[in-house]
Each structure stands twice: as C-alpha cells, then as structure tokens.
C-alpha cells in the first residue's frame, strides 16, 4: 500500500528524507507496483513476484533488484557483487543518480516479473 511507504519516508531524517521522494517517483512511474513495508523497508512487487526493495542505513540507501543478474546495466549503476541473482544500487549523499537509466532498469525489472 503506497501510504505505508510514504509514512516510512516521512519518518526518515536528513539527506535520506530528501532523496527518497525522487527514488519513489522514478520507481512508481516505471510500473504499477504493489508496494508495502517488508523487513522494515519499502518493498515492490508485481503479480506476487518481488521486483525490488530498498534498505536504508545511516550513510546510504541500497536498492536491491531481485532478478538484477538478468538485467543489462548499460549505465553501470549496479555495485559489484558475488550474488548470483540480486544486484544492488547504492545511493549516498554524494551520489548523482542517472534517473533515466535508473527508471529504465526498474521498467525492465518489472517486465521480468511478468515473465516469472
């Protein structure tokens, strides 16, 4: 439910409270997600399939793409990883996120969920 994610953002402080609305706007404009709080953080799914979640730590926000290994990251947004399925984008106060490239990744991740 969108309201619970919005409440989560309202409870944040500092740079994260400023960064999250743009991230949510990009995510929400990419696909008709079902969103809610799971594991204490925003979680986005389509047709019952997990697409992405976020995790907020004091100095960063991680965005986890559950099937990220299946996505081509043309803009180099994903962090290096040894995870066989997931890929992560890390946002810090100094990150300049390419929002067009980010929305593209989210859109393509949503399409994967439709294909299960």
PDB file of N, CA and C in Angstrom:
ATOM      1  N   UNK A   1       0.844  -1.164   0.000  1.00  0.00           N
ATOM      2  CA  UNK A   1       0.000   0.000   0.000  1.00  0.00           C
ATOM      3  C   UNK A   1       0.901   1.243   0.000  1.00  0.00           C
ATOM      4  N   UNK A   2       0.687   2.154  -0.962  1.00  0.00           N
ATOM      5  CA  UNK A   2       1.556   3.329  -1.068  1.00  0.00           C
ATOM      6  C   UNK A   2       1.656   4.154   0.204  1.00  0.00           C
ATOM      7  N   UNK A   3       0.558   4.286   0.947  1.00  0.00           N
ATOM      8  CA  UNK A   3       0.587   5.098   2.152  1.00  0.00           C
ATOM      9  C   UNK A   3       1.633   4.666   3.153  1.00  0.00           C
ATOM     10  N   UNK A   4       1.816   3.355   3.316  1.00  0.00           N
ATOM     11  CA  UNK A   4       2.790   2.891   4.299  1.00  0.00           C
ATOM     12  C   UNK A   4       4.216   3.227   3.880  1.00  0.00           C
ATOM     13  N   UNK A   5       4.500   3.197   2.580  1.00  0.00           N
ATOM     14  CA  UNK A   5       5.825   3.588   2.101  1.00  0.00           C
ATOM     15  C   UNK A   5       6.020   5.085   2.299  1.00  0.00           C
ATOM     16  N   UNK A   6       4.974   5.852   2.052  1.00  0.00           N
ATOM     17  CA  UNK A   6       5.075   7.301   2.259  1.00  0.00           C
ATOM     18  C   UNK A   6       5.292   7.638   3.737  1.00  0.00           C
ATOM     19  N   UNK A   7       4.660   6.899   4.626  1.00  0.00           N
ATOM     20  CA  UNK A   7       4.871   7.093   6.066  1.00  0.00           C
ATOM     21  C   UNK A   7       6.310   6.747   6.425  1.00  0.00           C
ATOM     22  N   UNK A   8       6.840   5.669   5.841  1.00  0.00           N
ATOM     23  CA  UNK A   8       8.240   5.296   6.053  1.00  0.00           C
ATOM     24  C   UNK A   8       9.153   6.475   5.714  1.00  0.00           C
ATOM     25  N   UNK A   9       8.913   7.112   4.573  1.00  0.00           N
ATOM     26  CA  UNK A   9       9.739   8.241   4.130  1.00  0.00           C
ATOM     27  C   UNK A   9       9.597   9.420   5.086  1.00  0.00           C
ATOM     28  N   UNK A  10       8.385   9.696   5.524  1.00  0.00           N
ATOM     29  CA  UNK A  10       8.168  10.804   6.462  1.00  0.00           C
ATOM     30  C   UNK A  10       8.941  10.619   7.764  1.00  0.00           C
ATOM     31  N   UNK A  11       9.181   9.378   8.137  1.00  0.00           N
ATOM     32  CA  UNK A  11       9.902   9.093   9.377  1.00  0.00           C
ATOM     33  C   UNK A  11      11.420   9.167   9.230  1.00  0.00           C
ATOM     34  N   UNK A  12      11.905   9.290   7.996  1.00  0.00           N
ATOM     35  CA  UNK A  12      13.349   9.411   7.778  1.00  0.00           C
ATOM     36  C   UNK A  12      13.827  10.800   8.157  1.00  0.00           C
ATOM     37  N   UNK A  13      15.139  10.939   8.264  1.00  0.00           N
ATOM     38  CA  UNK A  13      15.735  12.235   8.588  1.00  0.00           C
ATOM     39  C   UNK A  13      16.816  12.575   7.578  1.00  0.00           C
ATOM     40  N   UNK A  14      17.176  13.834   7.524  1.00  0.00           N
ATOM     41  CA  UNK A  14      18.328  14.288   6.755  1.00  0.00           C
ATOM     42  C   UNK A  14      18.245  14.019   5.266  1.00  0.00           C
ATOM     43  N   UNK A  15      19.400  13.687   4.685  1.00  0.00           N
ATOM     44  CA  UNK A  15      19.517  13.541   3.242  1.00  0.00           C
ATOM     45  C   UNK A  15      18.629  12.420   2.693  1.00  0.00           C
ATOM     46  N   UNK A  16      18.379  11.379   3.501  1.00  0.00           N
ATOM     47  CA  UNK A  16      17.539  10.283   3.011  1.00  0.00           C
ATOM     48  C   UNK A  16      16.090  10.727   2.814  1.00  0.00           C
ATOM     49  N   UNK A  17      15.619  11.544   3.711  1.00  0.00           N
ATOM     50  CA  UNK A  17      14.252  12.056   3.564  1.00  0.00           C
ATOM     51  C   UNK A  17      14.127  12.903   2.305  1.00  0.00           C
ATOM     52  N   UNK A  18      15.212  13.542   1.909  1.00  0.00           N
ATOM     53  CA  UNK A  18      15.204  14.339   0.681  1.00  0.00           C
ATOM     54  C   UNK A  18      15.383  13.478  -0.565  1.00  0.00           C
ATOM     55  N   UNK A  19      16.137  12.395  -0.460  1.00  0.00           N
ATOM     56  CA  UNK A  19      16.437  11.540  -1.614  1.00  0.00           C
ATOM     57  C   UNK A  19      15.295  10.589  -1.960  1.00  0.00           C
ATOM     58  N   UNK A  20      14.612  10.074  -0.979  1.00  0.00           N
ATOM     59  CA  UNK A  20      13.595   9.044  -1.218  1.00  0.00           C
ATOM     60  C   UNK A  20      12.452   9.475  -2.136  1.00  0.00           C
ATOM     61  N   UNK A  21      11.911  10.688  -2.002  1.00  0.00           N
ATOM     62  CA  UNK A  21      10.798  11.040  -2.882  1.00  0.00           C
ATOM     63  C   UNK A  21      11.139  10.928  -4.372  1.00  0.00           C
ATOM     64  N   UNK A  22      12.333  11.317  -4.766  1.00  0.00           N
ATOM     65  CA  UNK A  22      12.725  11.183  -6.179  1.00  0.00           C
ATOM     66  C   UNK A  22      12.861   9.719  -6.568  1.00  0.00           C
ATOM     67  N   UNK A  23      13.465   8.906  -5.691  1.00  0.00           N
ATOM     68  CA  UNK A  23      13.569   7.476  -5.971  1.00  0.00           C
ATOM     69  C   UNK A  23      12.181   6.858  -6.125  1.00  0.00           C
ATOM     70  N   UNK A  24      11.276   7.180  -5.204  1.00  0.00           N
ATOM     71  CA  UNK A  24       9.924   6.642  -5.272  1.00  0.00           C
ATOM     72  C   UNK A  24       9.192   7.107  -6.518  1.00  0.00           C
ATOM     73  N   UNK A  25       9.391   8.337  -6.902  1.00  0.00           N
ATOM     74  CA  UNK A  25       8.776   8.846  -8.125  1.00  0.00           C
ATOM     75  C   UNK A  25       9.258   8.053  -9.337  1.00  0.00           C
ATOM     76  N   UNK A  26      10.553   7.801  -9.406  1.00  0.00           N
ATOM     77  CA  UNK A  26      11.107   7.015 -10.512  1.00  0.00           C
ATOM     78  C   UNK A  26      10.564   5.590 -10.502  1.00  0.00           C
ATOM     79  N   UNK A  27      10.511   4.980  -9.328  1.00  0.00           N
ATOM     80  CA  UNK A  27      10.016   3.607  -9.211  1.00  0.00           C
ATOM     81  C   UNK A  27       8.543   3.542  -9.591  1.00  0.00           C
ATOM     82  N   UNK A  28       7.757   4.429  -9.024  1.00  0.00           N
ATOM     83  CA  UNK A  28       6.309   4.415  -9.265  1.00  0.00           C
ATOM     84  C   UNK A  28       5.947   4.725 -10.712  1.00  0.00           C
ATOM     85  N   UNK A  29       6.750   5.530 -11.378  1.00  0.00           N
ATOM     86  CA  UNK A  29       6.445   5.861 -12.778  1.00  0.00           C
ATOM     87  C   UNK A  29       6.861   4.742 -13.731  1.00  0.00           C
ATOM     88  N   UNK A  30       7.660   3.798 -13.253  1.00  0.00           N
ATOM     89  CA  UNK A  30       8.177   2.739 -14.116  1.00  0.00           C
ATOM     90  C   UNK A  30       7.199   1.579 -14.298  1.00  0.00           C
ATOM     91  N   UNK A  31       6.349   1.320 -13.301  1.00  0.00           N
ATOM     92  CA  UNK A  31       5.447   0.168 -13.383  1.00  0.00           C
ATOM     93  C   UNK A  31       4.388   0.269 -12.279  1.00  0.00           C
ATOM     94  N   UNK A  32       3.289  -0.454 -12.451  1.00  0.00           N
ATOM     95  CA  UNK A  32       2.217  -0.451 -11.431  1.00  0.00           C
ATOM     96  C   UNK A  32       2.517  -1.438 -10.306  1.00  0.00           C
ATOM     97  N   UNK A  33       3.455  -1.100  -9.476  1.00  0.00           N
ATOM     98  CA  UNK A  33       3.876  -1.980  -8.385  1.00  0.00           C
ATOM     99  C   UNK A  33       2.841  -2.047  -7.272  1.00  0.00           C
ATOM    100  N   UNK A  34       2.822  -3.182  -6.594  1.00  0.00           N
ATOM    101  CA  UNK A  34       2.192  -3.280  -5.283  1.00  0.00           C
ATOM    102  C   UNK A  34       3.335  -2.984  -4.323  1.00  0.00           C
ATOM    103  N   UNK A  35       3.131  -2.032  -3.472  1.00  0.00           N
ATOM    104  CA  UNK A  35       4.220  -1.629  -2.572  1.00  0.00           C
ATOM    105  C   UNK A  35       3.763  -1.689  -1.127  1.00  0.00           C
ATOM    106  N   UNK A  36       4.676  -2.074  -0.298  1.00  0.00           N
ATOM    107  CA  UNK A  36       4.404  -2.125   1.129  1.00  0.00           C
ATOM    108  C   UNK A  36       5.726  -2.178   1.877  1.00  0.00           C
ATOM    109  N   UNK A  37       5.635  -2.208   3.175  1.00  0.00           N
ATOM    110  CA  UNK A  37       6.825  -2.324   4.009  1.00  0.00           C
ATOM    111  C   UNK A  37       7.018  -3.796   4.342  1.00  0.00           C
ATOM    112  N   UNK A  38       8.187  -4.310   4.036  1.00  0.00           N
ATOM    113  CA  UNK A  38       8.537  -5.688   4.349  1.00  0.00           C
ATOM    114  C   UNK A  38       9.966  -5.662   4.864  1.00  0.00           C
ATOM    115  N   UNK A  39      10.232  -6.418   5.908  1.00  0.00           N
ATOM    116  CA  UNK A  39      11.552  -6.409   6.549  1.00  0.00           C
ATOM    117  C   UNK A  39      11.939  -4.990   6.982  1.00  0.00           C
ATOM    118  N   UNK A  40      10.938  -4.167   7.295  1.00  0.00           N
ATOM    119  CA  UNK A  40      11.173  -2.828   7.802  1.00  0.00           C
ATOM    120  C   UNK A  40      11.510  -1.775   6.771  1.00  0.00           C
ATOM    121  N   UNK A  41      11.433  -2.126   5.471  1.00  0.00           N
ATOM    122  CA  UNK A  41      11.797  -1.189   4.409  1.00  0.00           C
ATOM    123  C   UNK A  41      10.845  -1.324   3.224  1.00  0.00           C
ATOM    124  N   UNK A  42      10.794  -0.308   2.348  1.00  0.00           N
ATOM    125  CA  UNK A  42       9.923  -0.381   1.169  1.00  0.00           C
ATOM    126  C   UNK A  42      10.249  -1.593   0.285  1.00  0.00           C
ATOM    127  N   UNK A  43       9.187  -2.220  -0.207  1.00  0.00           N
ATOM    128  CA  UNK A  43       9.268  -3.448  -0.988  1.00  0.00           C
ATOM    129  C   UNK A  43       8.262  -3.322  -2.129  1.00  0.00           C
ATOM    130  N   UNK A  44       8.684  -3.700  -3.334  1.00  0.00           N
ATOM    131  CA  UNK A  44       7.861  -3.516  -4.532  1.00  0.00           C
ATOM    132  C   UNK A  44       7.748  -4.833  -5.289  1.00  0.00           C
ATOM    133  N   UNK A  45       6.502  -5.191  -5.632  1.00  0.00           N
ATOM    134  CA  UNK A  45       6.282  -6.446  -6.336  1.00  0.00           C
ATOM    135  C   UNK A  45       5.250  -6.250  -7.444  1.00  0.00           C
ATOM    136  N   UNK A  46       5.228  -7.209  -8.361  1.00  0.00           N
ATOM    137  CA  UNK A  46       4.235  -7.246  -9.433  1.00  0.00           C
ATOM    138  C   UNK A  46       3.772  -8.690  -9.558  1.00  0.00           C
ATOM    139  N   UNK A  47       2.471  -8.874  -9.635  1.00  0.00           N
ATOM    140  CA  UNK A  47       1.895 -10.210  -9.794  1.00  0.00           C
ATOM    141  C   UNK A  47       2.442 -11.196  -8.768  1.00  0.00           C
ATOM    142  N   UNK A  48       2.690 -10.733  -7.544  1.00  0.00           N
ATOM    143  CA  UNK A  48       3.200 -11.592  -6.489  1.00  0.00           C
ATOM    144  C   UNK A  48       4.686 -11.885  -6.558  1.00  0.00           C
ATOM    145  N   UNK A  49       5.369 -11.308  -7.544  1.00  0.00           N
ATOM    146  CA  UNK A  49       6.816 -11.524  -7.687  1.00  0.00           C
ATOM    147  C   UNK A  49       7.581 -10.313  -7.187  1.00  0.00           C
ATOM    148  N   UNK A  50       8.584 -10.554  -6.336  1.00  0.00           N
ATOM    149  CA  UNK A  50       9.432  -9.484  -5.830  1.00  0.00           C
ATOM    150  C   UNK A  50      10.213  -8.865  -6.983  1.00  0.00           C
ATOM    151  N   UNK A  51      10.225  -7.549  -7.046  1.00  0.00           N
ATOM    152  CA  UNK A  51      10.985  -6.851  -8.089  1.00  0.00           C
ATOM    153  C   UNK A  51      12.145  -6.106  -7.452  1.00  0.00           C
ATOM    154  N   UNK A  52      11.847  -5.261  -6.457  1.00  0.00           N
ATOM    155  CA  UNK A  52      12.921  -4.563  -5.763  1.00  0.00           C
ATOM    156  C   UNK A  52      12.504  -4.189  -4.363  1.00  0.00           C
ATOM    157  N   UNK A  53      13.516  -3.925  -3.565  1.00  0.00           N
ATOM    158  CA  UNK A  53      13.312  -3.427  -2.204  1.00  0.00           C
ATOM    159  C   UNK A  53      14.407  -2.409  -1.948  1.00  0.00           C
ATOM    160  N   UNK A  54      14.173  -1.591  -0.943  1.00  0.00           N
ATOM    161  CA  UNK A  54      15.212  -0.652  -0.535  1.00  0.00           C
ATOM    162  C   UNK A  54      15.607  -0.979   0.905  1.00  0.00           C
ATOM    163  N   UNK A  55      16.782  -0.549   1.252  1.00  0.00           N
ATOM    164  CA  UNK A  55      17.261  -0.685   2.624  1.00  0.00           C
ATOM    165  C   UNK A  55      18.012   0.588   2.969  1.00  0.00           C
ATOM    166  N   UNK A  56      17.639   1.189   4.079  1.00  0.00           N
ATOM    167  CA  UNK A  56      18.261   2.438   4.499  1.00  0.00           C
ATOM    168  C   UNK A  56      19.190   2.212   5.673  1.00  0.00           C
ATOM    169  N   UNK A  57      20.430   2.593   5.488  1.00  0.00           N
ATOM    170  CA  UNK A  57      21.402   2.624   6.571  1.00  0.00           C
ATOM    171  C   UNK A  57      21.734   4.101   6.803  1.00  0.00           C
ATOM    172  N   UNK A  58      22.500   4.401   7.800  1.00  0.00           N
ATOM    173  CA  UNK A  58      22.770   5.805   8.129  1.00  0.00           C
ATOM    174  C   UNK A  58      23.439   6.560   6.982  1.00  0.00           C
ATOM    175  N   UNK A  59      24.370   5.896   6.284  1.00  0.00           N
ATOM    176  CA  UNK A  59      25.147   6.606   5.274  1.00  0.00           C
ATOM    177  C   UNK A  59      24.805   6.239   3.842  1.00  0.00           C
ATOM    178  N   UNK A  60      23.816   5.360   3.623  1.00  0.00           N
ATOM    179  CA  UNK A  60      23.449   5.006   2.257  1.00  0.00           C
ATOM    180  C   UNK A  60      22.035   4.449   2.198  1.00  0.00           C
ATOM    181  N   UNK A  61      21.542   4.368   0.978  1.00  0.00           N
ATOM    182  CA  UNK A  61      20.300   3.665   0.651  1.00  0.00           C
ATOM    183  C   UNK A  61      20.686   2.628  -0.389  1.00  0.00           C
ATOM    184  N   UNK A  62      20.362   1.377  -0.134  1.00  0.00           N
ATOM    185  CA  UNK A  62      20.572   0.331  -1.129  1.00  0.00           C
ATOM    186  C   UNK A  62      19.245   0.021  -1.805  1.00  0.00           C
ATOM    187  N   UNK A  63      19.299  -0.171  -3.104  1.00  0.00           N
ATOM    188  CA  UNK A  63      18.137  -0.590  -3.874  1.00  0.00           C
ATOM    189  C   UNK A  63      18.488  -1.954  -4.445  1.00  0.00           C
ATOM    190  N   UNK A  64      17.757  -2.968  -4.005  1.00  0.00           N
ATOM    191  CA  UNK A  64      18.015  -4.348  -4.407  1.00  0.00           C
ATOM    192  C   UNK A  64      17.071  -4.751  -5.531  1.00  0.00           C
ATOM    193  N   UNK A  65      17.624  -5.214  -6.624  1.00  0.00           N
ATOM    194  CA  UNK A  65      16.854  -5.750  -7.740  1.00  0.00           C
ATOM    195  C   UNK A  65      16.912  -7.269  -7.612  1.00  0.00           C
ATOM    196  N   UNK A  66      15.781  -7.898  -7.300  1.00  0.00           N
ATOM    197  CA  UNK A  66      15.769  -9.330  -7.011  1.00  0.00           C
ATOM    198  C   UNK A  66      16.276 -10.182  -8.170  1.00  0.00           C
ATOM    199  N   UNK A  67      15.992  -9.790  -9.408  1.00  0.00           N
ATOM    200  CA  UNK A  67      16.480 -10.537 -10.570  1.00  0.00           C
ATOM    201  C   UNK A  67      17.469  -9.679 -11.362  1.00  0.00           C
ATOM    202  N   UNK A  68      18.231  -8.910 -10.656  1.00  0.00           N
ATOM    203  CA  UNK A  68      19.164  -7.972 -11.285  1.00  0.00           C
ATOM    204  C   UNK A  68      20.199  -8.617 -12.176  1.00  0.00           C
ATOM    205  N   UNK A  69      20.580  -9.851 -11.889  1.00  0.00           N
ATOM    206  CA  UNK A  69      21.580 -10.527 -12.720  1.00  0.00           C
ATOM    207  C   UNK A  69      21.078 -10.748 -14.137  1.00  0.00           C
ATOM    208  N   UNK A  70      19.767 -10.657 -14.339  1.00  0.00           N
ATOM    209  CA  UNK A  70      19.183 -10.840 -15.666  1.00  0.00           C
ATOM    210  C   UNK A  70      19.073  -9.531 -16.443  1.00  0.00           C
ATOM    211  N   UNK A  71      19.482  -8.432 -15.830  1.00  0.00           N
ATOM    212  CA  UNK A  71      19.383  -7.116 -16.461  1.00  0.00           C
ATOM    213  C   UNK A  71      20.740  -6.638 -16.962  1.00  0.00           C
ATOM    214  N   UNK A  72      20.751  -6.073 -18.131  1.00  0.00           N
ATOM    215  CA  UNK A  72      21.947  -5.423 -18.646  1.00  0.00           C
ATOM    216  C   UNK A  72      21.996  -4.016 -18.051  1.00  0.00           C
ATOM    217  N   UNK A  73      23.092  -3.692 -17.420  1.00  0.00           N
ATOM    218  CA  UNK A  73      23.262  -2.391 -16.751  1.00  0.00           C
ATOM    219  C   UNK A  73      24.134  -1.498 -17.630  1.00  0.00           C
ATOM    220  N   UNK A  74      23.531  -0.937 -18.644  1.00  0.00           N
ATOM    221  CA  UNK A  74      24.270  -0.128 -19.624  1.00  0.00           C
ATOM    222  C   UNK A  74      24.934   1.101 -19.012  1.00  0.00           C
ATOM    223  N   UNK A  75      24.329   1.636 -17.938  1.00  0.00           N
ATOM    224  CA  UNK A  75      24.856   2.858 -17.323  1.00  0.00           C
ATOM    225  C   UNK A  75      25.817   2.576 -16.171  1.00  0.00           C
ATOM    226  N   UNK A  76      26.017   1.313 -15.832  1.00  0.00           N
ATOM    227  CA  UNK A  76      26.938   0.981 -14.746  1.00  0.00           C
ATOM    228  C   UNK A  76      26.457   1.402 -13.371  1.00  0.00           C
ATOM    229  N   UNK A  77      25.166   1.291 -13.116  1.00  0.00           N
ATOM    230  CA  UNK A  77      24.609   1.697 -11.824  1.00  0.00           C
ATOM    231  C   UNK A  77      24.778   0.644 -10.734  1.00  0.00           C
ATOM    232  N   UNK A  78      24.848  -0.629 -11.111  1.00  0.00           N
ATOM    233  CA  UNK A  78      24.933  -1.702 -10.119  1.00  0.00           C
ATOM    234  C   UNK A  78      26.306  -1.762  -9.469  1.00  0.00           C
ATOM    235  N   UNK A  79      26.291  -2.100  -8.173  1.00  0.00           N
ATOM    236  CA  UNK A  79      27.512  -2.336  -7.416  1.00  0.00           C
ATOM    237  C   UNK A  79      28.076  -3.706  -7.798  1.00  0.00           C
ATOM    238  N   UNK A  80      29.390  -3.886  -7.727  1.00  0.00           N
ATOM    239  CA  UNK A  80      29.958  -5.232  -7.925  1.00  0.00           C
ATOM    240  C   UNK A  80      29.430  -6.174  -6.839  1.00  0.00           C
ATOM    241  N   UNK A  81      29.212  -7.439  -7.203  1.00  0.00           N
ATOM    242  CA  UNK A  81      28.677  -8.397  -6.238  1.00  0.00           C
ATOM    243  C   UNK A  81      29.042  -9.821  -6.628  1.00  0.00           C
ATOM    244  N   UNK A  82      28.932 -10.702  -5.668  1.00  0.00           N
ATOM    245  CA  UNK A  82      29.087 -12.125  -5.945  1.00  0.00           C
ATOM    246  C   UNK A  82      27.732 -12.831  -5.867  1.00  0.00           C
ATOM    247  N   UNK A  83      26.676 -12.088  -5.617  1.00  0.00           N
ATOM    248  CA  UNK A  83      25.337 -12.655  -5.524  1.00  0.00           C
ATOM    249  C   UNK A  83      24.907 -13.164  -6.899  1.00  0.00           C
ATOM    250  N   UNK A  84      24.410 -14.368  -6.953  1.00  0.00           N
ATOM    251  CA  UNK A  84      24.048 -14.993  -8.229  1.00  0.00           C
ATOM    252  C   UNK A  84      22.748 -14.467  -8.818  1.00  0.00           C
ATOM    253  N   UNK A  85      21.909 -13.812  -8.020  1.00  0.00           N
ATOM    254  CA  UNK A  85      20.617 -13.336  -8.532  1.00  0.00           C
ATOM    255  C   UNK A  85      20.434 -11.824  -8.411  1.00  0.00           C
ATOM    256  N   UNK A  86      20.670 -11.303  -7.227  1.00  0.00           N
ATOM    257  CA  UNK A  86      20.384  -9.895  -6.956  1.00  0.00           C
ATOM    258  C   UNK A  86      21.496  -8.977  -7.408  1.00  0.00           C
ATOM    259  N   UNK A  87      21.107  -7.747  -7.714  1.00  0.00           N
ATOM    260  CA  UNK A  87      22.057  -6.667  -7.961  1.00  0.00           C
ATOM    261  C   UNK A  87      21.593  -5.472  -7.137  1.00  0.00           C
ATOM    262  N   UNK A  88      22.538  -4.628  -6.762  1.00  0.00           N
ATOM    263  CA  UNK A  88      22.253  -3.504  -5.873  1.00  0.00           C
ATOM    264  C   UNK A  88      22.779  -2.200  -6.438  1.00  0.00           C
ATOM    265  N   UNK A  89      22.004  -1.151  -6.226  1.00  0.00           N
ATOM    266  CA  UNK A  89      22.467   0.215  -6.477  1.00  0.00           C
ATOM    267  C   UNK A  89      22.588   0.866  -5.110  1.00  0.00           C
ATOM    268  N   UNK A  90      23.718   1.484  -4.839  1.00  0.00           N
ATOM    269  CA  UNK A  90      23.937   2.162  -3.556  1.00  0.00           C
ATOM    270  C   UNK A  90      23.889   3.672  -3.791  1.00  0.00           C
ATOM    271  N   UNK A  91      23.039   4.320  -3.017  1.00  0.00           N
ATOM    272  CA  UNK A  91      22.885   5.774  -3.068  1.00  0.00           C
ATOM    273  C   UNK A  91      23.489   6.343  -1.785  1.00  0.00           C
ATOM    274  N   UNK A  92      24.336   7.338  -1.927  1.00  0.00           N
ATOM    275  CA  UNK A  92      24.904   8.055  -0.779  1.00  0.00           C
ATOM    276  C   UNK A  92      24.574   9.535  -0.949  1.00  0.00           C
ATOM    277  N   UNK A  93      24.889  10.353   0.051  1.00  0.00           N
ATOM    278  CA  UNK A  93      24.633  11.788  -0.117  1.00  0.00           C
ATOM    279  C   UNK A  93      25.376  12.384  -1.316  1.00  0.00           C
ATOM    280  N   UNK A  94      26.454  11.744  -1.756  1.00  0.00           N
ATOM    281  CA  UNK A  94      27.253  12.275  -2.864  1.00  0.00           C
ATOM    282  C   UNK A  94      26.897  11.673  -4.218  1.00  0.00           C
ATOM    283  N   UNK A  95      25.972  10.715  -4.242  1.00  0.00           N
ATOM    284  CA  UNK A  95      25.620  10.037  -5.484  1.00  0.00           C
ATOM    285  C   UNK A  95      24.808  10.948  -6.400  1.00  0.00           C
ATOM    286  N   UNK A  96      25.205  10.973  -7.656  1.00  0.00           N
ATOM    287  CA  UNK A  96      24.400  11.607  -8.691  1.00  0.00           C
ATOM    288  C   UNK A  96      23.820  10.470  -9.519  1.00  0.00           C
ATOM    289  N   UNK A  97      22.573  10.136  -9.252  1.00  0.00           N
ATOM    290  CA  UNK A  97      21.938   9.009  -9.914  1.00  0.00           C
ATOM    291  C   UNK A  97      21.408   9.435 -11.274  1.00  0.00           C
ATOM    292  N   UNK A  98      21.730   8.678 -12.294  1.00  0.00           N
ATOM    293  CA  UNK A  98      21.151   8.908 -13.615  1.00  0.00           C
ATOM    294  C   UNK A  98      19.720   8.405 -13.603  1.00  0.00           C
ATOM    295  N   UNK A  99      18.768   9.323 -13.434  1.00  0.00           N
ATOM    296  CA  UNK A  99      17.384   8.914 -13.224  1.00  0.00           C
ATOM    297  C   UNK A  99      16.773   8.233 -14.445  1.00  0.00           C
ATOM    298  N   UNK A 100      17.161   8.630 -15.632  1.00  0.00           N
ATOM    299  CA  UNK A 100      16.641   7.962 -16.829  1.00  0.00           C
ATOM    300  C   UNK A 100      17.133   6.520 -16.865  1.00  0.00           C
ATOM    301  N   UNK A 101      18.403   6.303 -16.597  1.00  0.00           N
ATOM    302  CA  UNK A 101      18.965   4.956 -16.581  1.00  0.00           C
ATOM    303  C   UNK A 101      18.354   4.135 -15.449  1.00  0.00           C
ATOM    304  N   UNK A 102      18.125   4.749 -14.293  1.00  0.00           N
ATOM    305  CA  UNK A 102      17.524   4.062 -13.170  1.00  0.00           C
ATOM    306  C   UNK A 102      16.100   3.615 -13.503  1.00  0.00           C
ATOM    307  N   UNK A 103      15.289   4.533 -14.054  1.00  0.00           N
ATOM    308  CA  UNK A 103      13.920   4.176 -14.433  1.00  0.00           C
ATOM    309  C   UNK A 103      13.913   3.056 -15.469  1.00  0.00           C
ATOM    310  N   UNK A 104      14.863   3.092 -16.391  1.00  0.00           N
ATOM    311  CA  UNK A 104      14.965   2.042 -17.401  1.00  0.00           C
ATOM    312  C   UNK A 104      15.207   0.682 -16.738  1.00  0.00           C
ATOM    313  N   UNK A 105      16.127   0.634 -15.779  1.00  0.00           N
ATOM    314  CA  UNK A 105      16.378  -0.618 -15.054  1.00  0.00           C
ATOM    315  C   UNK A 105      15.122  -1.097 -14.318  1.00  0.00           C
ATOM    316  N   UNK A 106      14.421  -0.181 -13.677  1.00  0.00           N
ATOM    317  CA  UNK A 106      13.210  -0.544 -12.935  1.00  0.00           C
ATOM    318  C   UNK A 106      12.145  -1.069 -13.892  1.00  0.00           C
ATOM    319  N   UNK A 107      11.974  -0.407 -15.034  1.00  0.00           N
ATOM    320  CA  UNK A 107      10.990  -0.861 -16.026  1.00  0.00           C
ATOM    321  C   UNK A 107      11.320  -2.270 -16.513  1.00  0.00           C
ATOM    322  N   UNK A 108      12.580  -2.508 -16.824  1.00  0.00           N
ATOM    323  CA  UNK A 108      12.982  -3.828 -17.317  1.00  0.00           C
ATOM    324  C   UNK A 108      12.880  -4.888 -16.227  1.00  0.00           C
ATOM    325  N   UNK A 109      13.142  -4.514 -14.977  1.00  0.00           N
ATOM    326  CA  UNK A 109      12.970  -5.450 -13.862  1.00  0.00           C
ATOM    327  C   UNK A 109      11.487  -5.809 -13.705  1.00  0.00           C
ATOM    328  N   UNK A 110      10.611  -4.839 -13.883  1.00  0.00           N
ATOM    329  CA  UNK A 110       9.167  -5.094 -13.796  1.00  0.00           C
ATOM    330  C   UNK A 110       8.706  -6.038 -14.901  1.00  0.00           C
ATOM    331  N   UNK A 111       9.257  -5.883 -16.089  1.00  0.00           N
ATOM    332  CA  UNK A 111       8.915  -6.788 -17.195  1.00  0.00           C
ATOM    333  C   UNK A 111       9.328  -8.223 -16.893  1.00  0.00           C
ATOM    334  N   UNK A 112      10.462  -8.388 -16.229  1.00  0.00           N
ATOM    335  CA  UNK A 112      10.883  -9.736 -15.830  1.00  0.00           C
ATOM    336  C   UNK A 112       9.861 -10.390 -14.894  1.00  0.00           C
ATOM    337  N   UNK A 113       9.278  -9.600 -14.018  1.00  0.00           N
ATOM    338  CA  UNK A 113       8.311 -10.143 -13.064  1.00  0.00           C
ATOM    339  C   UNK A 113       7.072 -10.672 -13.785  1.00  0.00           C
ATOM    340  N   UNK A 114       6.701 -10.036 -14.888  1.00  0.00           N
ATOM    341  CA  UNK A 114       5.548 -10.507 -15.666  1.00  0.00           C
ATOM    342  C   UNK A 114       5.833 -11.850 -16.325  1.00  0.00           C
ATOM    343  N   UNK A 115       7.107 -12.113 -16.597  1.00  0.00           N
ATOM    344  CA  UNK A 115       7.508 -13.363 -17.257  1.00  0.00           C
ATOM    345  C   UNK A 115       7.795 -14.478 -16.279  1.00  0.00           C
ATOM    346  N   UNK A 116       7.875 -14.151 -15.003  1.00  0.00           N
ATOM    347  CA  UNK A 116       8.206 -15.092 -13.926  1.00  0.00           C
ATOM    348  C   UNK A 116       9.202 -16.072 -14.435  1.00  0.00           C
TER     349      UNK A 116
END
